[in-house]
Amino acid sequence: MRVEASILNESNKLVLGLKIRNTSGKPLGGFMAQLKPNYFGLTLEKIPDMTLNNQETRDIKVNITKGGNRDTNVPKPPLVLTVGFKTNIDIFYFNVPCMFHVLLEESGELSAQDFKAYWKQIPDSNELTFDVQNVSDAARNQEGLKAIFRRNNIFMITSRKNSQNQDVMYFTAKSVDQTYFLVEVSLPSLKYPSGCSISCRSQNQALIPLFLQCSQFILNHK
């Protein structure tokens, strides 16, 4: 059996995409799958009933929901989720990479007033800064960067020009565990003219590296 898997956010619904090919030499059925307990409490709904004949391939999508058992260990980049996969032949386990922006919710936008209040509540020690050396052409201006981030549930609150003529933009995002991220983006970066600087604050400092990693991915590839 060969399985290709990916975790997707489709219209703000999480799904596990699976491409399953039967190479066992006999019919394959009795499919069951579950996610290993993870920090975000994500779990899988039931796989549709099906049988795959030898050499047959099937593409399916399984909904991912919240409310499963949680692992209290905070994940570090790169984020992966472990899937247990059962068939009438055997039980298999495999890791599926998951970019963090897939786990950001559409309800993560704050008002300017709430943004300021949250910002003041978070200690300076819970802020990390990262320079993206090169951003895509589409992200090298304020409107382009705003649109790219919004498509990934990262919402611009306000912006200003600083004394060094940088565009300084403020964004918010919220992950599926209800953690807020308050983000300051300076464009261009003073260190990298083709890049930007990102500062991120959160009450859960341990998740900030995942947010910074996905921000770099978004700005490099969109």
C-alpha atoms as a PDB file:
ATOM      1  CA  MET A   1       0.000   0.000   0.000  1.00  0.00           C
ATOM      2  CA  ARG A   2       1.134   3.500  -0.829  1.00  0.00           C
ATOM      3  CA  VAL A   3      -0.337   6.564   0.892  1.00  0.00           C
ATOM      4  CA  GLU A   4       0.240  10.248   0.107  1.00  0.00           C
ATOM      5  CA  ALA A   5      -1.148  12.629   2.728  1.00  0.00           C
ATOM      6  CA  SER A   6      -1.518  16.360   3.283  1.00  0.00           C
ATOM      7  CA  ILE A   7      -3.328  18.584   5.774  1.00  0.00           C
ATOM      8  CA  LEU A   8      -5.374  21.309   4.101  1.00  0.00           C
ATOM      9  CA  ASN A   9      -7.514  24.278   5.026  1.00  0.00           C
ATOM     10  CA  GLU A  10     -10.407  24.355   2.560  1.00  0.00           C
ATOM     11  CA  SER A  11     -12.793  27.269   3.054  1.00  0.00           C
ATOM     12  CA  ASN A  12     -11.734  27.390   6.722  1.00  0.00           C
ATOM     13  CA  LYS A  13     -12.374  23.692   7.263  1.00  0.00           C
ATOM     14  CA  LEU A  14      -9.484  21.380   8.091  1.00  0.00           C
ATOM     15  CA  VAL A  15      -9.209  18.169   6.086  1.00  0.00           C
ATOM     16  CA  LEU A  16      -6.734  15.341   5.718  1.00  0.00           C
ATOM     17  CA  GLY A  17      -6.206  14.645   2.027  1.00  0.00           C
ATOM     18  CA  LEU A  18      -5.281  11.040   1.248  1.00  0.00           C
ATOM     19  CA  LYS A  19      -4.230   9.361  -1.982  1.00  0.00           C
ATOM     20  CA  ILE A  20      -4.250   5.614  -1.388  1.00  0.00           C
ATOM     21  CA  ARG A  21      -2.891   3.041  -3.825  1.00  0.00           C
ATOM     22  CA  ASN A  22      -3.371  -0.676  -3.218  1.00  0.00           C
ATOM     23  CA  THR A  23      -0.173  -2.563  -4.044  1.00  0.00           C
ATOM     24  CA  SER A  24      -0.881  -5.526  -1.739  1.00  0.00           C
ATOM     25  CA  GLY A  25      -1.992  -7.981  -4.428  1.00  0.00           C
ATOM     26  CA  LYS A  26      -5.439  -8.440  -2.860  1.00  0.00           C
ATOM     27  CA  PRO A  27      -8.501  -6.303  -2.033  1.00  0.00           C
ATOM     28  CA  LEU A  28      -7.907  -3.695   0.647  1.00  0.00           C
ATOM     29  CA  GLY A  29     -10.649  -2.600   3.049  1.00  0.00           C
ATOM     30  CA  GLY A  30     -11.575  -2.039   6.664  1.00  0.00           C
ATOM     31  CA  PHE A  31     -10.058   1.426   6.614  1.00  0.00           C
ATOM     32  CA  MET A  32      -9.788   3.338   9.882  1.00  0.00           C
ATOM     33  CA  ALA A  33      -7.619   6.324  10.755  1.00  0.00           C
ATOM     34  CA  GLN A  34      -6.940   8.494  13.761  1.00  0.00           C
ATOM     35  CA  LEU A  35      -4.578  11.267  14.735  1.00  0.00           C
ATOM     36  CA  LYS A  36      -2.153  10.660  17.559  1.00  0.00           C
ATOM     37  CA  PRO A  37      -2.962  13.004  20.495  1.00  0.00           C
ATOM     38  CA  ASN A  38      -1.536  16.394  19.617  1.00  0.00           C
ATOM     39  CA  TYR A  39      -1.133  19.798  21.207  1.00  0.00           C
ATOM     40  CA  PHE A  40      -4.103  21.274  19.322  1.00  0.00           C
ATOM     41  CA  GLY A  41      -6.584  18.514  20.164  1.00  0.00           C
ATOM     42  CA  LEU A  42      -7.212  17.712  16.495  1.00  0.00           C
ATOM     43  CA  THR A  43      -8.968  14.472  15.619  1.00  0.00           C
ATOM     44  CA  LEU A  44     -10.264  12.720  12.491  1.00  0.00           C
ATOM     45  CA  GLU A  45     -13.801  11.906  11.490  1.00  0.00           C
ATOM     46  CA  LYS A  46     -14.580   8.452  10.094  1.00  0.00           C
ATOM     47  CA  ILE A  47     -13.096   7.394   6.749  1.00  0.00           C
ATOM     48  CA  PRO A  48     -15.799   6.561   4.163  1.00  0.00           C
ATOM     49  CA  ASP A  49     -16.461   2.838   3.712  1.00  0.00           C
ATOM     50  CA  MET A  50     -14.650   1.570   0.627  1.00  0.00           C
ATOM     51  CA  THR A  51     -12.725  -1.326  -0.873  1.00  0.00           C
ATOM     52  CA  LEU A  52      -9.689  -0.924  -3.136  1.00  0.00           C
ATOM     53  CA  ASN A  53      -8.860  -3.664  -5.596  1.00  0.00           C
ATOM     54  CA  ASN A  54      -5.242  -4.482  -6.364  1.00  0.00           C
ATOM     55  CA  GLN A  55      -3.477  -1.553  -8.118  1.00  0.00           C
ATOM     56  CA  GLU A  56      -6.514   0.692  -7.642  1.00  0.00           C
ATOM     57  CA  THR A  57      -5.963   4.285  -6.455  1.00  0.00           C
ATOM     58  CA  ARG A  58      -8.478   6.398  -4.556  1.00  0.00           C
ATOM     59  CA  ASP A  59      -8.374  10.069  -3.500  1.00  0.00           C
ATOM     60  CA  ILE A  60     -10.362  10.872  -0.369  1.00  0.00           C
ATOM     61  CA  LYS A  61     -10.678  13.693   2.154  1.00  0.00           C
ATOM     62  CA  VAL A  62     -11.327  13.182   5.844  1.00  0.00           C
ATOM     63  CA  ASN A  63     -12.596  16.033   8.002  1.00  0.00           C
ATOM     64  CA  ILE A  64     -10.433  17.145  10.916  1.00  0.00           C
ATOM     65  CA  THR A  65     -12.225  18.429  14.005  1.00  0.00           C
ATOM     66  CA  LYS A  66     -11.255  19.806  17.405  1.00  0.00           C
ATOM     67  CA  GLY A  67     -11.964  18.207  20.746  1.00  0.00           C
ATOM     68  CA  GLY A  68      -9.630  15.213  20.665  1.00  0.00           C
ATOM     69  CA  ASN A  69      -7.112  14.174  23.288  1.00  0.00           C
ATOM     70  CA  ARG A  70      -4.333  16.710  23.742  1.00  0.00           C
ATOM     71  CA  ASP A  71      -0.601  16.248  24.113  1.00  0.00           C
ATOM     72  CA  THR A  72       0.719  18.937  26.455  1.00  0.00           C
ATOM     73  CA  ASN A  73       4.118  19.003  24.742  1.00  0.00           C
ATOM     74  CA  VAL A  74       4.355  22.158  22.624  1.00  0.00           C
ATOM     75  CA  PRO A  75       5.386  21.312  19.033  1.00  0.00           C
ATOM     76  CA  LYS A  76       8.466  22.815  17.440  1.00  0.00           C
ATOM     77  CA  PRO A  77       9.166  23.493  13.762  1.00  0.00           C
ATOM     78  CA  PRO A  78       8.676  21.594  11.588  1.00  0.00           C
ATOM     79  CA  LEU A  79       5.147  20.777  12.730  1.00  0.00           C
ATOM     80  CA  VAL A  80       4.007  17.219  11.952  1.00  0.00           C
ATOM     81  CA  LEU A  81       0.912  15.252  12.921  1.00  0.00           C
ATOM     82  CA  THR A  82       1.059  11.468  13.302  1.00  0.00           C
ATOM     83  CA  VAL A  83      -1.657   9.367  11.660  1.00  0.00           C
ATOM     84  CA  GLY A  84      -2.500   5.802  12.661  1.00  0.00           C
ATOM     85  CA  PHE A  85      -3.935   3.962   9.634  1.00  0.00           C
ATOM     86  CA  LYS A  86      -5.641   0.562   9.897  1.00  0.00           C
ATOM     87  CA  THR A  87      -6.659  -1.790   7.058  1.00  0.00           C
ATOM     88  CA  ASN A  88      -7.653  -5.445   6.796  1.00  0.00           C
ATOM     89  CA  ILE A  89      -3.944  -6.182   6.275  1.00  0.00           C
ATOM     90  CA  ASP A  90      -2.125  -4.299   9.033  1.00  0.00           C
ATOM     91  CA  ILE A  91      -1.796  -1.060  11.022  1.00  0.00           C
ATOM     92  CA  PHE A  92       0.528   1.674   9.756  1.00  0.00           C
ATOM     93  CA  TYR A  93       1.792   4.929  11.235  1.00  0.00           C
ATOM     94  CA  PHE A  94       3.100   7.928   9.330  1.00  0.00           C
ATOM     95  CA  ASN A  95       3.873  11.614   9.932  1.00  0.00           C
ATOM     96  CA  VAL A  96       2.155  14.325   7.905  1.00  0.00           C
ATOM     97  CA  PRO A  97       3.833  17.771   7.643  1.00  0.00           C
ATOM     98  CA  CYS A  98       1.522  20.634   8.583  1.00  0.00           C
ATOM     99  CA  MET A  99       2.386  24.276   7.939  1.00  0.00           C
ATOM    100  CA  PHE A 100       1.088  26.356  10.835  1.00  0.00           C
ATOM    101  CA  HIS A 101      -0.978  28.812   8.767  1.00  0.00           C
ATOM    102  CA  VAL A 102      -3.331  25.911   7.951  1.00  0.00           C
ATOM    103  CA  LEU A 103      -4.305  26.011  11.651  1.00  0.00           C
ATOM    104  CA  LEU A 104      -5.160  29.730  11.726  1.00  0.00           C
ATOM    105  CA  GLU A 105      -8.849  30.580  12.075  1.00  0.00           C
ATOM    106  CA  GLU A 106     -10.969  33.095  10.183  1.00  0.00           C
ATOM    107  CA  SER A 107     -12.055  34.648  13.512  1.00  0.00           C
ATOM    108  CA  GLY A 108      -8.583  35.970  14.322  1.00  0.00           C
ATOM    109  CA  GLU A 109      -9.212  39.618  13.416  1.00  0.00           C
ATOM    110  CA  LEU A 110      -9.187  42.134  16.284  1.00  0.00           C
ATOM    111  CA  SER A 111     -10.277  45.736  16.523  1.00  0.00           C
ATOM    112  CA  ALA A 112      -7.512  48.342  16.845  1.00  0.00           C
ATOM    113  CA  GLN A 113      -8.589  48.933  20.455  1.00  0.00           C
ATOM    114  CA  ASP A 114      -8.428  45.240  21.364  1.00  0.00           C
ATOM    115  CA  PHE A 115      -5.087  44.918  19.567  1.00  0.00           C
ATOM    116  CA  LYS A 116      -3.579  47.675  21.734  1.00  0.00           C
ATOM    117  CA  ALA A 117      -5.002  46.124  24.890  1.00  0.00           C
ATOM    118  CA  TYR A 118      -3.619  42.668  24.058  1.00  0.00           C
ATOM    119  CA  TRP A 119      -0.238  44.152  23.092  1.00  0.00           C
ATOM    120  CA  LYS A 120       0.106  45.847  26.490  1.00  0.00           C
ATOM    121  CA  GLN A 121      -0.859  42.662  28.330  1.00  0.00           C
ATOM    122  CA  ILE A 122       1.902  40.595  26.726  1.00  0.00           C
ATOM    123  CA  PRO A 123       5.365  41.016  28.300  1.00  0.00           C
ATOM    124  CA  ASP A 124       8.283  42.064  26.116  1.00  0.00           C
ATOM    125  CA  SER A 125       9.930  38.731  26.891  1.00  0.00           C
ATOM    126  CA  ASN A 126       7.173  37.062  24.842  1.00  0.00           C
ATOM    127  CA  GLU A 127       8.231  38.756  21.621  1.00  0.00           C
ATOM    128  CA  LEU A 128      10.442  37.239  18.928  1.00  0.00           C
ATOM    129  CA  THR A 129      11.798  38.988  15.837  1.00  0.00           C
ATOM    130  CA  PHE A 130      12.801  37.446  12.530  1.00  0.00           C
ATOM    131  CA  ASP A 131      14.089  38.844   9.206  1.00  0.00           C
ATOM    132  CA  VAL A 132      12.775  37.346   5.969  1.00  0.00           C
ATOM    133  CA  GLN A 133      15.631  37.859   3.508  1.00  0.00           C
ATOM    134  CA  ASN A 134      13.542  37.752   0.333  1.00  0.00           C
ATOM    135  CA  VAL A 135       9.802  38.101  -0.126  1.00  0.00           C
ATOM    136  CA  SER A 136       7.909  37.384  -3.330  1.00  0.00           C
ATOM    137  CA  ASP A 137       7.333  40.262  -5.747  1.00  0.00           C
ATOM    138  CA  ALA A 138       3.642  40.300  -4.824  1.00  0.00           C
ATOM    139  CA  ALA A 139       4.507  40.942  -1.147  1.00  0.00           C
ATOM    140  CA  ARG A 140       6.902  43.852  -1.660  1.00  0.00           C
ATOM    141  CA  ASN A 141       4.249  46.491  -1.117  1.00  0.00           C
ATOM    142  CA  GLN A 142       1.722  47.077   1.637  1.00  0.00           C
ATOM    143  CA  GLU A 143      -1.409  46.154  -0.301  1.00  0.00           C
ATOM    144  CA  GLY A 144       0.134  43.002  -1.735  1.00  0.00           C
ATOM    145  CA  LEU A 145       1.410  41.809   1.636  1.00  0.00           C
ATOM    146  CA  LYS A 146      -1.935  42.605   3.263  1.00  0.00           C
ATOM    147  CA  ALA A 147      -3.822  40.542   0.655  1.00  0.00           C
ATOM    148  CA  ILE A 148      -1.444  37.573   0.889  1.00  0.00           C
ATOM    149  CA  PHE A 149      -1.641  37.445   4.662  1.00  0.00           C
ATOM    150  CA  ARG A 150      -5.433  37.825   4.668  1.00  0.00           C
ATOM    151  CA  ARG A 151      -5.816  34.796   2.398  1.00  0.00           C
ATOM    152  CA  ASN A 152      -4.082  32.867   5.159  1.00  0.00           C
ATOM    153  CA  ASN A 153      -6.184  34.267   8.033  1.00  0.00           C
ATOM    154  CA  ILE A 154      -3.631  36.870   9.119  1.00  0.00           C
ATOM    155  CA  PHE A 155      -5.458  40.206   9.313  1.00  0.00           C
ATOM    156  CA  MET A 156      -4.059  43.734   9.062  1.00  0.00           C
ATOM    157  CA  ILE A 157      -5.258  46.102  11.794  1.00  0.00           C
ATOM    158  CA  THR A 158      -3.446  49.334  10.935  1.00  0.00           C
ATOM    159  CA  SER A 159      -0.244  50.712   9.392  1.00  0.00           C
ATOM    160  CA  ARG A 160       2.093  53.709   9.514  1.00  0.00           C
ATOM    161  CA  LYS A 161       5.300  55.116   8.064  1.00  0.00           C
ATOM    162  CA  ASN A 162       8.243  55.299  10.411  1.00  0.00           C
ATOM    163  CA  SER A 163      11.153  57.743  10.466  1.00  0.00           C
ATOM    164  CA  GLN A 164      13.183  55.419   8.221  1.00  0.00           C
ATOM    165  CA  ASN A 165      10.445  55.441   5.559  1.00  0.00           C
ATOM    166  CA  GLN A 166       9.469  51.839   6.199  1.00  0.00           C
ATOM    167  CA  ASP A 167       5.882  50.666   5.979  1.00  0.00           C
ATOM    168  CA  VAL A 168       5.086  49.328   9.444  1.00  0.00           C
ATOM    169  CA  MET A 169       1.995  47.122   9.495  1.00  0.00           C
ATOM    170  CA  TYR A 170       0.209  45.443  12.374  1.00  0.00           C
ATOM    171  CA  PHE A 171      -1.577  42.106  12.034  1.00  0.00           C
ATOM    172  CA  THR A 172      -3.425  39.595  14.190  1.00  0.00           C
ATOM    173  CA  ALA A 173      -4.012  35.859  13.858  1.00  0.00           C
ATOM    174  CA  LYS A 174      -5.547  33.150  16.034  1.00  0.00           C
ATOM    175  CA  SER A 175      -4.725  29.440  15.963  1.00  0.00           C
ATOM    176  CA  VAL A 176      -7.202  26.607  16.523  1.00  0.00           C
ATOM    177  CA  ASP A 177      -6.243  26.408  20.218  1.00  0.00           C
ATOM    178  CA  GLN A 178      -7.410  30.049  20.587  1.00  0.00           C
ATOM    179  CA  THR A 179      -3.892  31.475  20.883  1.00  0.00           C
ATOM    180  CA  TYR A 180      -3.581  35.019  19.523  1.00  0.00           C
ATOM    181  CA  PHE A 181      -0.531  36.299  17.670  1.00  0.00           C
ATOM    182  CA  LEU A 182       0.116  40.055  17.425  1.00  0.00           C
ATOM    183  CA  VAL A 183       2.454  40.849  14.574  1.00  0.00           C
ATOM    184  CA  GLU A 184       4.457  43.877  13.438  1.00  0.00           C
ATOM    185  CA  VAL A 185       5.870  43.779   9.899  1.00  0.00           C
ATOM    186  CA  SER A 186       8.388  46.368   8.683  1.00  0.00           C
ATOM    187  CA  LEU A 187       8.787  46.588   4.911  1.00  0.00           C
ATOM    188  CA  PRO A 188      11.452  46.602   3.603  1.00  0.00           C
ATOM    189  CA  SER A 189      13.840  45.181   6.163  1.00  0.00           C
ATOM    190  CA  LEU A 190      16.712  47.516   7.034  1.00  0.00           C
ATOM    191  CA  LYS A 191      19.009  44.500   6.844  1.00  0.00           C
ATOM    192  CA  TYR A 192      17.595  42.930   3.663  1.00  0.00           C
ATOM    193  CA  PRO A 193      16.212  45.430   1.089  1.00  0.00           C
ATOM    194  CA  SER A 194      14.308  42.633  -0.674  1.00  0.00           C
ATOM    195  CA  GLY A 195      12.825  41.304   2.548  1.00  0.00           C
ATOM    196  CA  CYS A 196      10.955  42.366   5.657  1.00  0.00           C
ATOM    197  CA  SER A 197      11.259  42.232   9.441  1.00  0.00           C
ATOM    198  CA  ILE A 198       8.605  40.438  11.506  1.00  0.00           C
ATOM    199  CA  SER A 199       8.081  40.816  15.246  1.00  0.00           C
ATOM    200  CA  CYS A 200       5.515  38.555  16.897  1.00  0.00           C
ATOM    201  CA  ARG A 201       4.030  38.654  20.384  1.00  0.00           C
ATOM    202  CA  SER A 202       1.888  35.984  22.011  1.00  0.00           C
ATOM    203  CA  GLN A 203       0.888  34.856  25.472  1.00  0.00           C
ATOM    204  CA  ASN A 204       2.079  31.427  24.333  1.00  0.00           C
ATOM    205  CA  GLN A 205       5.657  32.243  23.390  1.00  0.00           C
ATOM    206  CA  ALA A 206       6.430  28.601  22.593  1.00  0.00           C
ATOM    207  CA  LEU A 207       4.195  28.729  19.497  1.00  0.00           C
ATOM    208  CA  ILE A 208       5.781  31.862  18.008  1.00  0.00           C
ATOM    209  CA  PRO A 209       8.508  29.937  16.095  1.00  0.00           C
ATOM    210  CA  LEU A 210       5.750  28.035  14.254  1.00  0.00           C
ATOM    211  CA  PHE A 211       4.072  31.311  13.314  1.00  0.00           C
ATOM    212  CA  LEU A 212       7.328  32.867  12.114  1.00  0.00           C
ATOM    213  CA  GLN A 213       8.142  29.777  10.047  1.00  0.00           C
ATOM    214  CA  CYS A 214       4.780  29.833   8.285  1.00  0.00           C
ATOM    215  CA  SER A 215       5.035  33.608   7.723  1.00  0.00           C
ATOM    216  CA  GLN A 216       8.345  33.109   5.942  1.00  0.00           C
ATOM    217  CA  PHE A 217       6.831  30.350   3.823  1.00  0.00           C
ATOM    218  CA  ILE A 218       3.845  32.506   2.867  1.00  0.00           C
ATOM    219  CA  LEU A 219       5.978  35.515   1.946  1.00  0.00           C
ATOM    220  CA  ASN A 220       8.485  33.447  -0.019  1.00  0.00           C
ATOM    221  CA  HIS A 221       5.965  31.490  -2.057  1.00  0.00           C
ATOM    222  CA  LYS A 222       2.791  33.537  -2.588  1.00  0.00           C
END
